[in-house]
Amino acid sequence: MAENQILDVISQYLASEQTGTIMAVFEDNSLGRFYVVSGVLATARYRNKEGREAVNVAKNVAVTSARFHENADLVRSGDLIDGIALPQTPSNKPPPVQPIGPQLTNVMRAGVVELLMDYVGPVAPLIVSDLPDTIDIESALDQLASEIDDAKSAAEFVRTARSITLR
């Protein structure tokens, strides 16, 4: 595999000029996030590194899978690549939703990660880590189920996850 395979993966997504997150799994089962704003690499996180340093470390490890998530929920980072400023949060944005039921605990998160891996593979820990700290169980399960492409599998995931989280 090419030494800079992650750079090849990133460049394919940059050509689309979209905004979102490239979530990559590497051959050593490590995970990386590469944040793109309007087709420009804004910042990256990989192995406790950020920005250019994260990209420089990641380019020496082969990529086993990558997935692009079109979104504007980019990491707020002080280490931006090429000085790209992230979009400002609009002032008319509604306040964060307060949990309506029991919160998803760290123990529950661990169980849900294990289960979600059966449906989406090794990016499951990244997906679960993107959940807000104060999210309630039902909202979390709905959000995680939306990451599963097949509706029948998503429903099965929610049923099984409820048995894990509501014990």
Protein backbone atom coordinates (compact mmCIF):
# COMPACT_ATOMS: atom_id res chain seq x y z
CA MET A 1 0.00 0.00 0.00
CA ALA A 2 1.08 3.52 -0.69
CA GLU A 3 2.79 5.36 2.12
CA ASN A 4 0.39 8.28 1.85
CA GLN A 5 -2.81 6.31 1.30
CA ILE A 6 -4.84 8.51 3.64
CA LEU A 7 -3.83 11.50 1.53
CA ASP A 8 -5.23 9.71 -1.53
CA VAL A 9 -8.48 8.99 0.30
CA ILE A 10 -8.76 12.59 1.50
CA SER A 11 -8.08 14.02 -1.95
CA GLN A 12 -10.90 11.93 -3.44
CA TYR A 13 -13.36 13.50 -1.00
CA LEU A 14 -11.94 17.02 -1.36
CA ALA A 15 -12.75 16.99 -5.07
CA SER A 16 -16.47 16.90 -4.20
CA GLU A 17 -16.18 20.29 -2.39
CA GLN A 18 -18.48 19.05 0.37
CA THR A 19 -18.41 19.73 4.08
CA GLY A 20 -18.22 16.79 6.44
CA THR A 21 -16.09 14.25 8.25
CA ILE A 22 -13.97 11.47 6.79
CA MET A 23 -13.81 8.69 9.36
CA ALA A 24 -10.98 6.28 8.59
CA VAL A 25 -9.97 2.96 10.10
CA PHE A 26 -6.31 2.05 9.69
CA GLU A 27 -4.57 -1.35 9.42
CA ASP A 28 -3.64 -1.26 13.11
CA ASN A 29 -7.36 -0.75 13.94
CA SER A 30 -6.74 2.87 14.98
CA LEU A 31 -9.33 5.48 14.06
CA GLY A 32 -8.92 8.93 12.54
CA ARG A 33 -11.19 11.85 11.72
CA PHE A 34 -10.45 14.27 8.93
CA TYR A 35 -12.67 17.36 8.82
CA VAL A 36 -13.44 18.96 5.46
CA VAL A 37 -14.98 22.41 4.91
CA SER A 38 -16.18 23.16 1.36
CA GLY A 39 -13.69 20.71 -0.13
CA VAL A 40 -10.71 21.91 1.94
CA LEU A 41 -9.09 19.88 4.71
CA ALA A 42 -9.69 21.99 7.82
CA THR A 43 -8.22 19.82 10.55
CA ALA A 44 -7.68 16.21 11.59
CA ARG A 45 -7.51 14.05 14.68
CA TYR A 46 -5.55 10.84 14.87
CA ARG A 47 -3.88 9.10 17.84
CA ASN A 48 -4.12 12.06 20.21
CA LYS A 49 -2.66 14.33 17.52
CA GLU A 50 -4.38 17.23 15.83
CA GLY A 51 -4.00 19.19 12.62
CA ARG A 52 -0.95 18.71 10.40
CA GLU A 53 0.71 16.50 13.00
CA ALA A 54 -2.27 14.08 12.86
CA VAL A 55 -2.08 13.91 9.05
CA ASN A 56 1.70 13.39 9.13
CA VAL A 57 1.35 10.45 11.55
CA ALA A 58 -1.64 8.94 9.70
CA LYS A 59 -0.01 9.02 6.27
CA ASN A 60 2.42 6.31 7.36
CA VAL A 61 -0.33 3.79 8.21
CA ALA A 62 -2.41 1.99 5.57
CA VAL A 63 -6.16 2.69 5.49
CA THR A 64 -8.49 -0.34 5.66
CA SER A 65 -11.77 1.59 5.33
CA ALA A 66 -13.04 5.14 5.12
CA ARG A 67 -16.48 6.66 5.28
CA PHE A 68 -17.61 10.22 4.56
CA HIS A 69 -20.33 11.79 6.70
CA GLU A 70 -21.81 14.92 5.17
CA ASN A 71 -22.35 17.30 8.08
CA ALA A 72 -21.37 20.65 9.48
CA ASP A 73 -20.63 19.38 12.99
CA LEU A 74 -16.91 19.86 12.81
CA VAL A 75 -14.52 19.66 15.70
CA ARG A 76 -13.67 23.00 17.24
CA SER A 77 -9.91 22.93 17.02
CA GLY A 78 -7.15 25.38 17.67
CA ASP A 79 -4.93 23.51 15.22
CA LEU A 80 -6.45 24.20 11.83
CA ILE A 81 -4.71 23.20 8.64
CA ASP A 82 -3.96 26.06 6.22
CA GLY A 83 -5.69 28.50 8.54
CA ILE A 84 -9.20 27.51 7.49
CA ALA A 85 -11.75 29.00 9.88
CA LEU A 86 -14.61 26.73 10.85
CA PRO A 87 -18.16 27.99 10.32
CA GLN A 88 -19.53 30.13 13.11
CA THR A 89 -22.40 28.76 15.12
CA PRO A 90 -25.48 30.78 14.15
CA SER A 91 -26.87 32.89 16.98
CA ASN A 92 -30.43 31.77 16.16
CA LYS A 93 -29.52 28.13 16.77
CA PRO A 94 -31.89 26.57 19.30
CA PRO A 95 -30.42 25.66 22.70
CA PRO A 96 -29.25 22.06 23.18
CA VAL A 97 -32.07 19.63 23.83
CA GLN A 98 -32.27 18.47 27.41
CA PRO A 99 -32.53 14.71 27.91
CA ILE A 100 -36.14 13.55 28.22
CA GLY A 101 -35.38 10.20 29.80
CA PRO A 102 -32.54 8.38 31.53
CA GLN A 103 -29.09 9.37 30.25
CA LEU A 104 -26.82 7.01 28.39
CA THR A 105 -24.06 6.09 30.87
CA ASN A 106 -20.47 5.15 30.05
CA VAL A 107 -21.21 1.50 30.87
CA MET A 108 -24.17 1.58 28.46
CA ARG A 109 -22.03 3.27 25.80
CA ALA A 110 -19.51 0.41 25.98
CA GLY A 111 -22.25 -2.17 25.45
CA VAL A 112 -23.77 -0.18 22.60
CA VAL A 113 -20.36 0.14 20.90
CA GLU A 114 -19.93 -3.65 20.95
CA LEU A 115 -23.39 -4.14 19.46
CA LEU A 116 -23.04 -1.37 16.86
CA MET A 117 -19.79 -2.91 15.60
CA ASP A 118 -21.86 -5.85 14.31
CA TYR A 119 -23.76 -3.43 12.07
CA VAL A 120 -21.26 -0.74 10.99
CA GLY A 121 -17.86 -2.28 11.71
CA PRO A 122 -14.86 -0.72 13.43
CA VAL A 123 -16.09 2.87 13.10
CA ALA A 124 -18.65 2.17 15.84
CA PRO A 125 -16.49 3.68 18.64
CA LEU A 126 -16.18 6.92 16.66
CA ILE A 127 -19.90 7.09 16.02
CA VAL A 128 -20.75 6.52 19.68
CA SER A 129 -18.09 9.00 20.82
CA ASP A 130 -19.83 11.68 18.74
CA LEU A 131 -22.95 11.40 20.91
CA PRO A 132 -23.39 14.28 23.38
CA ASP A 133 -22.41 13.46 26.96
CA THR A 134 -25.89 14.25 28.24
CA ILE A 135 -27.95 12.38 25.62
CA ASP A 136 -30.87 10.27 26.78
CA ILE A 137 -31.04 6.57 25.88
CA GLU A 138 -33.85 6.76 23.32
CA SER A 139 -32.32 9.73 21.47
CA ALA A 140 -28.96 7.96 21.41
CA LEU A 141 -30.44 4.76 20.01
CA ASP A 142 -32.36 6.67 17.34
CA GLN A 143 -29.24 8.57 16.33
CA LEU A 144 -27.11 5.39 16.22
CA ALA A 145 -29.78 3.48 14.27
CA SER A 146 -29.66 6.20 11.59
CA GLU A 147 -26.05 5.11 10.89
CA ILE A 148 -27.26 1.65 9.81
CA ASP A 149 -28.23 1.54 6.12
CA ASP A 150 -30.76 -1.30 6.27
CA ALA A 151 -34.05 -0.40 8.04
CA LYS A 152 -34.65 -3.96 9.26
CA SER A 153 -31.13 -4.15 10.73
CA ALA A 154 -31.58 -0.70 12.31
CA ALA A 155 -34.79 -1.84 14.03
CA GLU A 156 -33.05 -5.02 15.21
CA PHE A 157 -30.19 -2.91 16.59
CA VAL A 158 -32.60 -0.70 18.56
CA ARG A 159 -34.44 -3.72 20.04
CA THR A 160 -31.20 -5.37 21.13
CA ALA A 161 -29.66 -2.11 22.37
CA ARG A 162 -32.72 -1.41 24.52
CA SER A 163 -32.19 -4.73 26.27
CA ILE A 164 -28.59 -3.69 26.99
CA THR A 165 -29.37 -0.15 28.17
CA LEU A 166 -32.57 -0.82 30.12
CA ARG A 167 -31.24 -3.63 32.32
